[in-house]
Amino acid sequence: MRSVPPLGLTAAASVPPLDASAVTVEEYRGGLAPLAASWEALVEQSHPGAVFRSYAWLSAWWNCFSTGREALVLVARSGEQVVGLLPLYRQCTASAYAR
């Protein structure tokens, strides 16, 4: 199977392929602080990108909007090294189904 970029986008030549040996879903009921060091290690100091990528922004967002939600994070690792993070959340609705 061949990976094809979405319509109108081209693959960036400077982005190395993700070499993840494992991707796990981890729950963080007490907040996202245990991820701070891993998150900051992923930010390129010479090109940090959007502020939304930073742990500081993510933790402030989570502190404001976490009521009634459970933090879930997809964590990609190559060996013991974290190579990718994707924050998600689960929210129970009035119908008792998780979103």
PDB file of N, CA and C in Angstrom:
ATOM      1  N   MET A   1       0.844  -1.178   0.000  1.00  0.00           N
ATOM      2  CA  MET A   1       0.000   0.000   0.000  1.00  0.00           C
ATOM      3  C   MET A   1       0.888   1.239   0.000  1.00  0.00           C
ATOM      4  N   ARG A   2       0.571   2.198  -0.825  1.00  0.00           N
ATOM      5  CA  ARG A   2       1.367   3.411  -0.978  1.00  0.00           C
ATOM      6  C   ARG A   2       0.691   4.549  -0.235  1.00  0.00           C
ATOM      7  N   SER A   3       1.478   5.348   0.490  1.00  0.00           N
ATOM      8  CA  SER A   3       0.952   6.510   1.204  1.00  0.00           C
ATOM      9  C   SER A   3       0.869   7.685   0.242  1.00  0.00           C
ATOM     10  N   VAL A   4      -0.302   8.302   0.156  1.00  0.00           N
ATOM     11  CA  VAL A   4      -0.516   9.427  -0.746  1.00  0.00           C
ATOM     12  C   VAL A   4      -0.945  10.636   0.076  1.00  0.00           C
ATOM     13  N   PRO A   5      -0.299  11.809  -0.111  1.00  0.00           N
ATOM     14  CA  PRO A   5      -0.711  13.001   0.622  1.00  0.00           C
ATOM     15  C   PRO A   5      -2.139  13.400   0.251  1.00  0.00           C
ATOM     16  N   PRO A   6      -2.870  14.069   1.161  1.00  0.00           N
ATOM     17  CA  PRO A   6      -4.220  14.541   0.831  1.00  0.00           C
ATOM     18  C   PRO A   6      -4.183  15.478  -0.367  1.00  0.00           C
ATOM     19  N   LEU A   7      -5.304  15.614  -1.051  1.00  0.00           N
ATOM     20  CA  LEU A   7      -5.392  16.475  -2.228  1.00  0.00           C
ATOM     21  C   LEU A   7      -4.931  17.887  -1.910  1.00  0.00           C
ATOM     22  N   GLY A   8      -4.172  18.452  -2.797  1.00  0.00           N
ATOM     23  CA  GLY A   8      -3.725  19.827  -2.642  1.00  0.00           C
ATOM     24  C   GLY A   8      -2.492  19.974  -1.766  1.00  0.00           C
ATOM     25  N   LEU A   9      -1.986  18.888  -1.198  1.00  0.00           N
ATOM     26  CA  LEU A   9      -0.814  18.965  -0.339  1.00  0.00           C
ATOM     27  C   LEU A   9       0.296  18.113  -0.928  1.00  0.00           C
ATOM     28  N   THR A  10       1.517  18.517  -0.694  1.00  0.00           N
ATOM     29  CA  THR A  10       2.651  17.698  -1.110  1.00  0.00           C
ATOM     30  C   THR A  10       3.425  17.294   0.132  1.00  0.00           C
ATOM     31  N   ALA A  11       4.050  16.164   0.076  1.00  0.00           N
ATOM     32  CA  ALA A  11       4.844  15.687   1.209  1.00  0.00           C
ATOM     33  C   ALA A  11       6.078  16.568   1.347  1.00  0.00           C
ATOM     34  N   ALA A  12       6.417  16.934   2.565  1.00  0.00           N
ATOM     35  CA  ALA A  12       7.595  17.758   2.819  1.00  0.00           C
ATOM     36  C   ALA A  12       8.838  16.884   2.735  1.00  0.00           C
ATOM     37  N   ALA A  13       9.805  17.307   1.958  1.00  0.00           N
ATOM     38  CA  ALA A  13      11.021  16.530   1.772  1.00  0.00           C
ATOM     39  C   ALA A  13      11.885  16.518   3.029  1.00  0.00           C
ATOM     40  N   SER A  14      11.753  17.538   3.886  1.00  0.00           N
ATOM     41  CA  SER A  14      12.618  17.640   5.054  1.00  0.00           C
ATOM     42  C   SER A  14      12.070  16.894   6.276  1.00  0.00           C
ATOM     43  N   VAL A  15      10.902  16.329   6.178  1.00  0.00           N
ATOM     44  CA  VAL A  15      10.312  15.634   7.315  1.00  0.00           C
ATOM     45  C   VAL A  15      10.721  14.168   7.265  1.00  0.00           C
ATOM     46  N   PRO A  16      11.478  13.713   8.278  1.00  0.00           N
ATOM     47  CA  PRO A  16      11.887  12.317   8.266  1.00  0.00           C
ATOM     48  C   PRO A  16      10.707  11.411   8.595  1.00  0.00           C
ATOM     49  N   PRO A  17      10.734  10.168   8.136  1.00  0.00           N
ATOM     50  CA  PRO A  17       9.647   9.247   8.459  1.00  0.00           C
ATOM     51  C   PRO A  17       9.640   8.944   9.956  1.00  0.00           C
ATOM     52  N   LEU A  18       8.472   8.714  10.491  1.00  0.00           N
ATOM     53  CA  LEU A  18       8.330   8.377  11.901  1.00  0.00           C
ATOM     54  C   LEU A  18       8.756   6.934  12.094  1.00  0.00           C
ATOM     55  N   ASP A  19       9.754   6.732  12.921  1.00  0.00           N
ATOM     56  CA  ASP A  19      10.254   5.391  13.196  1.00  0.00           C
ATOM     57  C   ASP A  19       9.763   4.969  14.578  1.00  0.00           C
ATOM     58  N   ALA A  20       8.501   4.605  14.649  1.00  0.00           N
ATOM     59  CA  ALA A  20       7.909   4.227  15.930  1.00  0.00           C
ATOM     60  C   ALA A  20       7.761   2.722  15.999  1.00  0.00           C
ATOM     61  N   SER A  21       8.300   2.134  17.042  1.00  0.00           N
ATOM     62  CA  SER A  21       8.167   0.696  17.214  1.00  0.00           C
ATOM     63  C   SER A  21       6.894   0.350  17.976  1.00  0.00           C
ATOM     64  N   ALA A  22       6.298   1.345  18.654  1.00  0.00           N
ATOM     65  CA  ALA A  22       5.064   1.098  19.400  1.00  0.00           C
ATOM     66  C   ALA A  22       4.275   2.389  19.541  1.00  0.00           C
ATOM     67  N   VAL A  23       2.964   2.292  19.398  1.00  0.00           N
ATOM     68  CA  VAL A  23       2.068   3.418  19.657  1.00  0.00           C
ATOM     69  C   VAL A  23       1.057   2.929  20.688  1.00  0.00           C
ATOM     70  N   THR A  24       0.965   3.652  21.792  1.00  0.00           N
ATOM     71  CA  THR A  24       0.059   3.259  22.869  1.00  0.00           C
ATOM     72  C   THR A  24      -0.902   4.393  23.185  1.00  0.00           C
ATOM     73  N   VAL A  25      -2.045   4.048  23.769  1.00  0.00           N
ATOM     74  CA  VAL A  25      -2.988   5.037  24.284  1.00  0.00           C
ATOM     75  C   VAL A  25      -2.798   5.048  25.782  1.00  0.00           C
ATOM     76  N   GLU A  26      -2.476   6.212  26.326  1.00  0.00           N
ATOM     77  CA  GLU A  26      -2.237   6.332  27.754  1.00  0.00           C
ATOM     78  C   GLU A  26      -3.239   7.298  28.363  1.00  0.00           C
ATOM     79  N   GLU A  27      -3.731   6.963  29.552  1.00  0.00           N
ATOM     80  CA  GLU A  27      -4.685   7.810  30.269  1.00  0.00           C
ATOM     81  C   GLU A  27      -3.932   8.652  31.291  1.00  0.00           C
ATOM     82  N   TYR A  28      -4.338   9.906  31.410  1.00  0.00           N
ATOM     83  CA  TYR A  28      -3.728  10.824  32.373  1.00  0.00           C
ATOM     84  C   TYR A  28      -4.828  11.468  33.189  1.00  0.00           C
ATOM     85  N   ARG A  29      -5.237  10.803  34.268  1.00  0.00           N
ATOM     86  CA  ARG A  29      -6.343  11.303  35.094  1.00  0.00           C
ATOM     87  C   ARG A  29      -5.941  12.479  35.976  1.00  0.00           C
ATOM     88  N   GLY A  30      -4.691  12.577  36.332  1.00  0.00           N
ATOM     89  CA  GLY A  30      -4.251  13.654  37.208  1.00  0.00           C
ATOM     90  C   GLY A  30      -3.686  14.847  36.466  1.00  0.00           C
ATOM     91  N   GLY A  31      -3.859  14.905  35.167  1.00  0.00           N
ATOM     92  CA  GLY A  31      -3.302  16.001  34.382  1.00  0.00           C
ATOM     93  C   GLY A  31      -2.178  15.503  33.494  1.00  0.00           C
ATOM     94  N   LEU A  32      -1.622  16.398  32.726  1.00  0.00           N
ATOM     95  CA  LEU A  32      -0.631  16.039  31.713  1.00  0.00           C
ATOM     96  C   LEU A  32       0.810  16.294  32.135  1.00  0.00           C
ATOM     97  N   ALA A  33       1.030  16.684  33.376  1.00  0.00           N
ATOM     98  CA  ALA A  33       2.380  17.008  33.859  1.00  0.00           C
ATOM     99  C   ALA A  33       3.405  15.895  33.619  1.00  0.00           C
ATOM    100  N   PRO A  34       3.038  14.604  33.724  1.00  0.00           N
ATOM    101  CA  PRO A  34       4.046  13.566  33.466  1.00  0.00           C
ATOM    102  C   PRO A  34       4.608  13.600  32.043  1.00  0.00           C
ATOM    103  N   LEU A  35       3.938  14.285  31.127  1.00  0.00           N
ATOM    104  CA  LEU A  35       4.396  14.360  29.736  1.00  0.00           C
ATOM    105  C   LEU A  35       5.252  15.585  29.433  1.00  0.00           C
ATOM    106  N   ALA A  36       5.397  16.493  30.377  1.00  0.00           N
ATOM    107  CA  ALA A  36       6.060  17.778  30.113  1.00  0.00           C
ATOM    108  C   ALA A  36       7.447  17.611  29.493  1.00  0.00           C
ATOM    109  N   ALA A  37       8.302  16.815  30.073  1.00  0.00           N
ATOM    110  CA  ALA A  37       9.674  16.671  29.571  1.00  0.00           C
ATOM    111  C   ALA A  37       9.684  16.030  28.182  1.00  0.00           C
ATOM    112  N   SER A  38       8.867  14.992  27.986  1.00  0.00           N
ATOM    113  CA  SER A  38       8.801  14.335  26.669  1.00  0.00           C
ATOM    114  C   SER A  38       8.275  15.292  25.618  1.00  0.00           C
ATOM    115  N   TRP A  39       7.271  16.093  25.988  1.00  0.00           N
ATOM    116  CA  TRP A  39       6.672  17.033  25.047  1.00  0.00           C
ATOM    117  C   TRP A  39       7.682  18.087  24.613  1.00  0.00           C
ATOM    118  N   GLU A  40       8.379  18.657  25.580  1.00  0.00           N
ATOM    119  CA  GLU A  40       9.356  19.707  25.272  1.00  0.00           C
ATOM    120  C   GLU A  40      10.535  19.162  24.467  1.00  0.00           C
ATOM    121  N   ALA A  41      10.887  17.892  24.686  1.00  0.00           N
ATOM    122  CA  ALA A  41      12.003  17.300  23.943  1.00  0.00           C
ATOM    123  C   ALA A  41      11.672  17.150  22.457  1.00  0.00           C
ATOM    124  N   LEU A  42      10.393  17.108  22.112  1.00  0.00           N
ATOM    125  CA  LEU A  42       9.986  16.972  20.711  1.00  0.00           C
ATOM    126  C   LEU A  42      10.016  18.286  19.945  1.00  0.00           C
ATOM    127  N   VAL A  43      10.043  19.397  20.649  1.00  0.00           N
ATOM    128  CA  VAL A  43      10.014  20.712  20.003  1.00  0.00           C
ATOM    129  C   VAL A  43      11.423  21.066  19.523  1.00  0.00           C
ATOM    130  N   GLU A  44      11.538  21.358  18.239  1.00  0.00           N
ATOM    131  CA  GLU A  44      12.825  21.794  17.695  1.00  0.00           C
ATOM    132  C   GLU A  44      13.065  23.234  18.132  1.00  0.00           C
ATOM    133  N   GLN A  45      14.148  23.475  18.828  1.00  0.00           N
ATOM    134  CA  GLN A  45      14.436  24.815  19.322  1.00  0.00           C
ATOM    135  C   GLN A  45      14.649  25.813  18.195  1.00  0.00           C
ATOM    136  N   SER A  46      15.209  25.367  17.079  1.00  0.00           N
ATOM    137  CA  SER A  46      15.455  26.277  15.965  1.00  0.00           C
ATOM    138  C   SER A  46      14.190  26.567  15.157  1.00  0.00           C
ATOM    139  N   HIS A  47      13.163  25.709  15.304  1.00  0.00           N
ATOM    140  CA  HIS A  47      11.911  25.892  14.566  1.00  0.00           C
ATOM    141  C   HIS A  47      10.763  25.317  15.403  1.00  0.00           C
ATOM    142  N   PRO A  48      10.368  26.048  16.441  1.00  0.00           N
ATOM    143  CA  PRO A  48       9.356  25.504  17.354  1.00  0.00           C
ATOM    144  C   PRO A  48       7.965  25.395  16.744  1.00  0.00           C
ATOM    145  N   GLY A  49       7.687  26.107  15.663  1.00  0.00           N
ATOM    146  CA  GLY A  49       6.365  26.032  15.047  1.00  0.00           C
ATOM    147  C   GLY A  49       5.327  26.807  15.834  1.00  0.00           C
ATOM    148  N   ALA A  50       4.092  26.414  15.680  1.00  0.00           N
ATOM    149  CA  ALA A  50       2.978  27.113  16.315  1.00  0.00           C
ATOM    150  C   ALA A  50       3.013  26.939  17.833  1.00  0.00           C
ATOM    151  N   VAL A  51       2.519  27.936  18.529  1.00  0.00           N
ATOM    152  CA  VAL A  51       2.471  27.894  19.988  1.00  0.00           C
ATOM    153  C   VAL A  51       1.641  26.709  20.473  1.00  0.00           C
ATOM    154  N   PHE A  52       0.699  26.265  19.653  1.00  0.00           N
ATOM    155  CA  PHE A  52      -0.183  25.167  20.035  1.00  0.00           C
ATOM    156  C   PHE A  52       0.549  23.841  20.189  1.00  0.00           C
ATOM    157  N   ARG A  53       1.772  23.764  19.701  1.00  0.00           N
ATOM    158  CA  ARG A  53       2.578  22.549  19.847  1.00  0.00           C
ATOM    159  C   ARG A  53       3.248  22.457  21.205  1.00  0.00           C
ATOM    160  N   SER A  54       3.312  23.548  21.944  1.00  0.00           N
ATOM    161  CA  SER A  54       4.080  23.573  23.191  1.00  0.00           C
ATOM    162  C   SER A  54       3.317  22.935  24.353  1.00  0.00           C
ATOM    163  N   TYR A  55       4.074  22.362  25.272  1.00  0.00           N
ATOM    164  CA  TYR A  55       3.467  21.795  26.461  1.00  0.00           C
ATOM    165  C   TYR A  55       2.795  22.903  27.289  1.00  0.00           C
ATOM    166  N   ALA A  56       3.395  24.083  27.332  1.00  0.00           N
ATOM    167  CA  ALA A  56       2.824  25.190  28.114  1.00  0.00           C
ATOM    168  C   ALA A  56       1.404  25.513  27.636  1.00  0.00           C
ATOM    169  N   TRP A  57       1.211  25.591  26.333  1.00  0.00           N
ATOM    170  CA  TRP A  57      -0.122  25.880  25.801  1.00  0.00           C
ATOM    171  C   TRP A  57      -1.073  24.722  26.068  1.00  0.00           C
ATOM    172  N   LEU A  58      -0.608  23.498  25.800  1.00  0.00           N
ATOM    173  CA  LEU A  58      -1.459  22.327  25.984  1.00  0.00           C
ATOM    174  C   LEU A  58      -1.913  22.179  27.437  1.00  0.00           C
ATOM    175  N   SER A  59      -1.005  22.374  28.378  1.00  0.00           N
ATOM    176  CA  SER A  59      -1.382  22.212  29.784  1.00  0.00           C
ATOM    177  C   SER A  59      -2.354  23.314  30.223  1.00  0.00           C
ATOM    178  N   ALA A  60      -2.167  24.535  29.717  1.00  0.00           N
ATOM    179  CA  ALA A  60      -3.114  25.613  30.043  1.00  0.00           C
ATOM    180  C   ALA A  60      -4.490  25.317  29.449  1.00  0.00           C
ATOM    181  N   TRP A  61      -4.515  24.846  28.208  1.00  0.00           N
ATOM    182  CA  TRP A  61      -5.781  24.463  27.569  1.00  0.00           C
ATOM    183  C   TRP A  61      -6.469  23.369  28.373  1.00  0.00           C
ATOM    184  N   TRP A  62      -5.707  22.346  28.757  1.00  0.00           N
ATOM    185  CA  TRP A  62      -6.296  21.228  29.493  1.00  0.00           C
ATOM    186  C   TRP A  62      -6.822  21.678  30.854  1.00  0.00           C
ATOM    187  N   ASN A  63      -6.105  22.549  31.537  1.00  0.00           N
ATOM    188  CA  ASN A  63      -6.561  23.046  32.841  1.00  0.00           C
ATOM    189  C   ASN A  63      -7.880  23.800  32.724  1.00  0.00           C
ATOM    190  N   CYS A  64      -8.090  24.478  31.611  1.00  0.00           N
ATOM    191  CA  CYS A  64      -9.331  25.237  31.407  1.00  0.00           C
ATOM    192  C   CYS A  64     -10.504  24.362  30.972  1.00  0.00           C
ATOM    193  N   PHE A  65     -10.247  23.347  30.169  1.00  0.00           N
ATOM    194  CA  PHE A  65     -11.330  22.593  29.540  1.00  0.00           C
ATOM    195  C   PHE A  65     -11.414  21.125  29.950  1.00  0.00           C
ATOM    196  N   SER A  66     -10.775  20.734  31.027  1.00  0.00           N
ATOM    197  CA  SER A  66     -10.734  19.316  31.397  1.00  0.00           C
ATOM    198  C   SER A  66     -11.943  18.834  32.190  1.00  0.00           C
ATOM    199  N   THR A  67     -12.763  19.733  32.705  1.00  0.00           N
ATOM    200  CA  THR A  67     -13.906  19.326  33.513  1.00  0.00           C
ATOM    201  C   THR A  67     -14.817  18.383  32.730  1.00  0.00           C
ATOM    202  N   GLY A  68     -15.053  17.205  33.297  1.00  0.00           N
ATOM    203  CA  GLY A  68     -15.920  16.226  32.657  1.00  0.00           C
ATOM    204  C   GLY A  68     -15.265  15.444  31.535  1.00  0.00           C
ATOM    205  N   ARG A  69     -13.960  15.587  31.391  1.00  0.00           N
ATOM    206  CA  ARG A  69     -13.243  14.897  30.318  1.00  0.00           C
ATOM    207  C   ARG A  69     -12.073  14.117  30.901  1.00  0.00           C
ATOM    208  N   GLU A  70     -11.658  13.096  30.172  1.00  0.00           N
ATOM    209  CA  GLU A  70     -10.520  12.276  30.572  1.00  0.00           C
ATOM    210  C   GLU A  70      -9.434  12.410  29.511  1.00  0.00           C
ATOM    211  N   ALA A  71      -8.225  12.760  29.932  1.00  0.00           N
ATOM    212  CA  ALA A  71      -7.121  12.932  28.990  1.00  0.00           C
ATOM    213  C   ALA A  71      -6.621  11.586  28.501  1.00  0.00           C
ATOM    214  N   LEU A  72      -6.520  11.462  27.190  1.00  0.00           N
ATOM    215  CA  LEU A  72      -5.935  10.306  26.536  1.00  0.00           C
ATOM    216  C   LEU A  72      -4.871  10.825  25.589  1.00  0.00           C
ATOM    217  N   VAL A  73      -3.736  10.177  25.558  1.00  0.00           N
ATOM    218  CA  VAL A  73      -2.653  10.632  24.691  1.00  0.00           C
ATOM    219  C   VAL A  73      -2.116   9.430  23.925  1.00  0.00           C
ATOM    220  N   LEU A  74      -2.057   9.555  22.603  1.00  0.00           N
ATOM    221  CA  LEU A  74      -1.371   8.545  21.803  1.00  0.00           C
ATOM    222  C   LEU A  74       0.115   8.845  21.920  1.00  0.00           C
ATOM    223  N   VAL A  75       0.881   7.870  22.344  1.00  0.00           N
ATOM    224  CA  VAL A  75       2.321   8.042  22.538  1.00  0.00           C
ATOM    225  C   VAL A  75       3.038   7.078  21.602  1.00  0.00           C
ATOM    226  N   ALA A  76       3.835   7.629  20.691  1.00  0.00           N
ATOM    227  CA  ALA A  76       4.639   6.819  19.771  1.00  0.00           C
ATOM    228  C   ALA A  76       6.059   6.771  20.301  1.00  0.00           C
ATOM    229  N   ARG A  77       6.600   5.561  20.383  1.00  0.00           N
ATOM    230  CA  ARG A  77       7.950   5.376  20.892  1.00  0.00           C
ATOM    231  C   ARG A  77       8.788   4.568  19.922  1.00  0.00           C
ATOM    232  N   SER A  78      10.055   4.908  19.881  1.00  0.00           N
ATOM    233  CA  SER A  78      11.059   4.109  19.195  1.00  0.00           C
ATOM    234  C   SER A  78      11.984   3.625  20.298  1.00  0.00           C
ATOM    235  N   GLY A  79      11.821   2.381  20.692  1.00  0.00           N
ATOM    236  CA  GLY A  79      12.520   1.893  21.878  1.00  0.00           C
ATOM    237  C   GLY A  79      11.927   2.592  23.091  1.00  0.00           C
ATOM    238  N   GLU A  80      12.762   3.223  23.877  1.00  0.00           N
ATOM    239  CA  GLU A  80      12.302   3.960  25.059  1.00  0.00           C
ATOM    240  C   GLU A  80      12.053   5.449  24.766  1.00  0.00           C
ATOM    241  N   GLN A  81      12.491   5.921  23.603  1.00  0.00           N
ATOM    242  CA  GLN A  81      12.396   7.343  23.273  1.00  0.00           C
ATOM    243  C   GLN A  81      11.022   7.688  22.703  1.00  0.00           C
ATOM    244  N   VAL A  82      10.401   8.734  23.242  1.00  0.00           N
ATOM    245  CA  VAL A  82       9.135   9.233  22.716  1.00  0.00           C
ATOM    246  C   VAL A  82       9.432  10.002  21.433  1.00  0.00           C
ATOM    247  N   VAL A  83       8.765   9.611  20.330  1.00  0.00           N
ATOM    248  CA  VAL A  83       8.988  10.260  19.038  1.00  0.00           C
ATOM    249  C   VAL A  83       7.736  10.972  18.524  1.00  0.00           C
ATOM    250  N   GLY A  84       6.627  10.845  19.243  1.00  0.00           N
ATOM    251  CA  GLY A  84       5.406  11.529  18.829  1.00  0.00           C
ATOM    252  C   GLY A  84       4.345  11.473  19.907  1.00  0.00           C
ATOM    253  N   LEU A  85       3.550  12.532  20.008  1.00  0.00           N
ATOM    254  CA  LEU A  85       2.454  12.624  20.977  1.00  0.00           C
ATOM    255  C   LEU A  85       1.234  13.223  20.296  1.00  0.00           C
ATOM    256  N   LEU A  86       0.060  12.683  20.603  1.00  0.00           N
ATOM    257  CA  LEU A  86      -1.182  13.229  20.083  1.00  0.00           C
ATOM    258  C   LEU A  86      -2.187  13.282  21.223  1.00  0.00           C
ATOM    259  N   PRO A  87      -2.490  14.498  21.718  1.00  0.00           N
ATOM    260  CA  PRO A  87      -3.448  14.615  22.825  1.00  0.00           C
ATOM    261  C   PRO A  87      -4.887  14.460  22.333  1.00  0.00           C
ATOM    262  N   LEU A  88      -5.655  13.695  23.061  1.00  0.00           N
ATOM    263  CA  LEU A  88      -7.069  13.472  22.790  1.00  0.00           C
ATOM    264  C   LEU A  88      -7.801  13.532  24.120  1.00  0.00           C
ATOM    265  N   TYR A  89      -9.109  13.508  24.078  1.00  0.00           N
ATOM    266  CA  TYR A  89      -9.844  13.367  25.323  1.00  0.00           C
ATOM    267  C   TYR A  89     -11.101  12.557  25.095  1.00  0.00           C
ATOM    268  N   ARG A  90     -11.592  11.993  26.191  1.00  0.00           N
ATOM    269  CA  ARG A  90     -12.836  11.228  26.163  1.00  0.00           C
ATOM    270  C   ARG A  90     -13.821  11.969  27.061  1.00  0.00           C
ATOM    271  N   GLN A  91     -15.030  12.092  26.585  1.00  0.00           N
ATOM    272  CA  GLN A  91     -16.066  12.812  27.329  1.00  0.00           C
ATOM    273  C   GLN A  91     -17.322  11.954  27.338  1.00  0.00           C
ATOM    274  N   CYS A  92     -17.886  11.732  28.507  1.00  0.00           N
ATOM    275  CA  CYS A  92     -19.158  11.001  28.599  1.00  0.00           C
ATOM    276  C   CYS A  92     -20.292  11.983  28.397  1.00  0.00           C
ATOM    277  N   THR A  93     -21.247  11.561  27.598  1.00  0.00           N
ATOM    278  CA  THR A  93     -22.403  12.412  27.310  1.00  0.00           C
ATOM    279  C   THR A  93     -23.582  11.984  28.171  1.00  0.00           C
ATOM    280  N   ALA A  94     -24.675  12.703  28.080  1.00  0.00           N
ATOM    281  CA  ALA A  94     -25.869  12.393  28.852  1.00  0.00           C
ATOM    282  C   ALA A  94     -26.400  10.996  28.522  1.00  0.00           C
ATOM    283  N   SER A  95     -26.126  10.521  27.338  1.00  0.00           N
ATOM    284  CA  SER A  95     -26.592   9.180  26.957  1.00  0.00           C
ATOM    285  C   SER A  95     -25.628   8.094  27.446  1.00  0.00           C
ATOM    286  N   ALA A  96     -24.596   8.485  28.200  1.00  0.00           N
ATOM    287  CA  ALA A  96     -23.620   7.590  28.818  1.00  0.00           C
ATOM    288  C   ALA A  96     -22.646   6.958  27.826  1.00  0.00           C
ATOM    289  N   TYR A  97     -22.675   7.397  26.584  1.00  0.00           N
ATOM    290  CA  TYR A  97     -21.701   6.907  25.611  1.00  0.00           C
ATOM    291  C   TYR A  97     -20.519   7.865  25.579  1.00  0.00           C
ATOM    292  N   ALA A  98     -19.339   7.308  25.489  1.00  0.00           N
ATOM    293  CA  ALA A  98     -18.142   8.143  25.396  1.00  0.00           C
ATOM    294  C   ALA A  98     -18.019   8.693  23.985  1.00  0.00           C
ATOM    295  N   ARG A  99     -17.526   9.901  23.872  1.00  0.00           N
ATOM    296  CA  ARG A  99     -17.279  10.524  22.571  1.00  0.00           C
ATOM    297  C   ARG A  99     -15.813  10.430  22.259  1.00  0.00           C
TER     298      ARG A  99
END
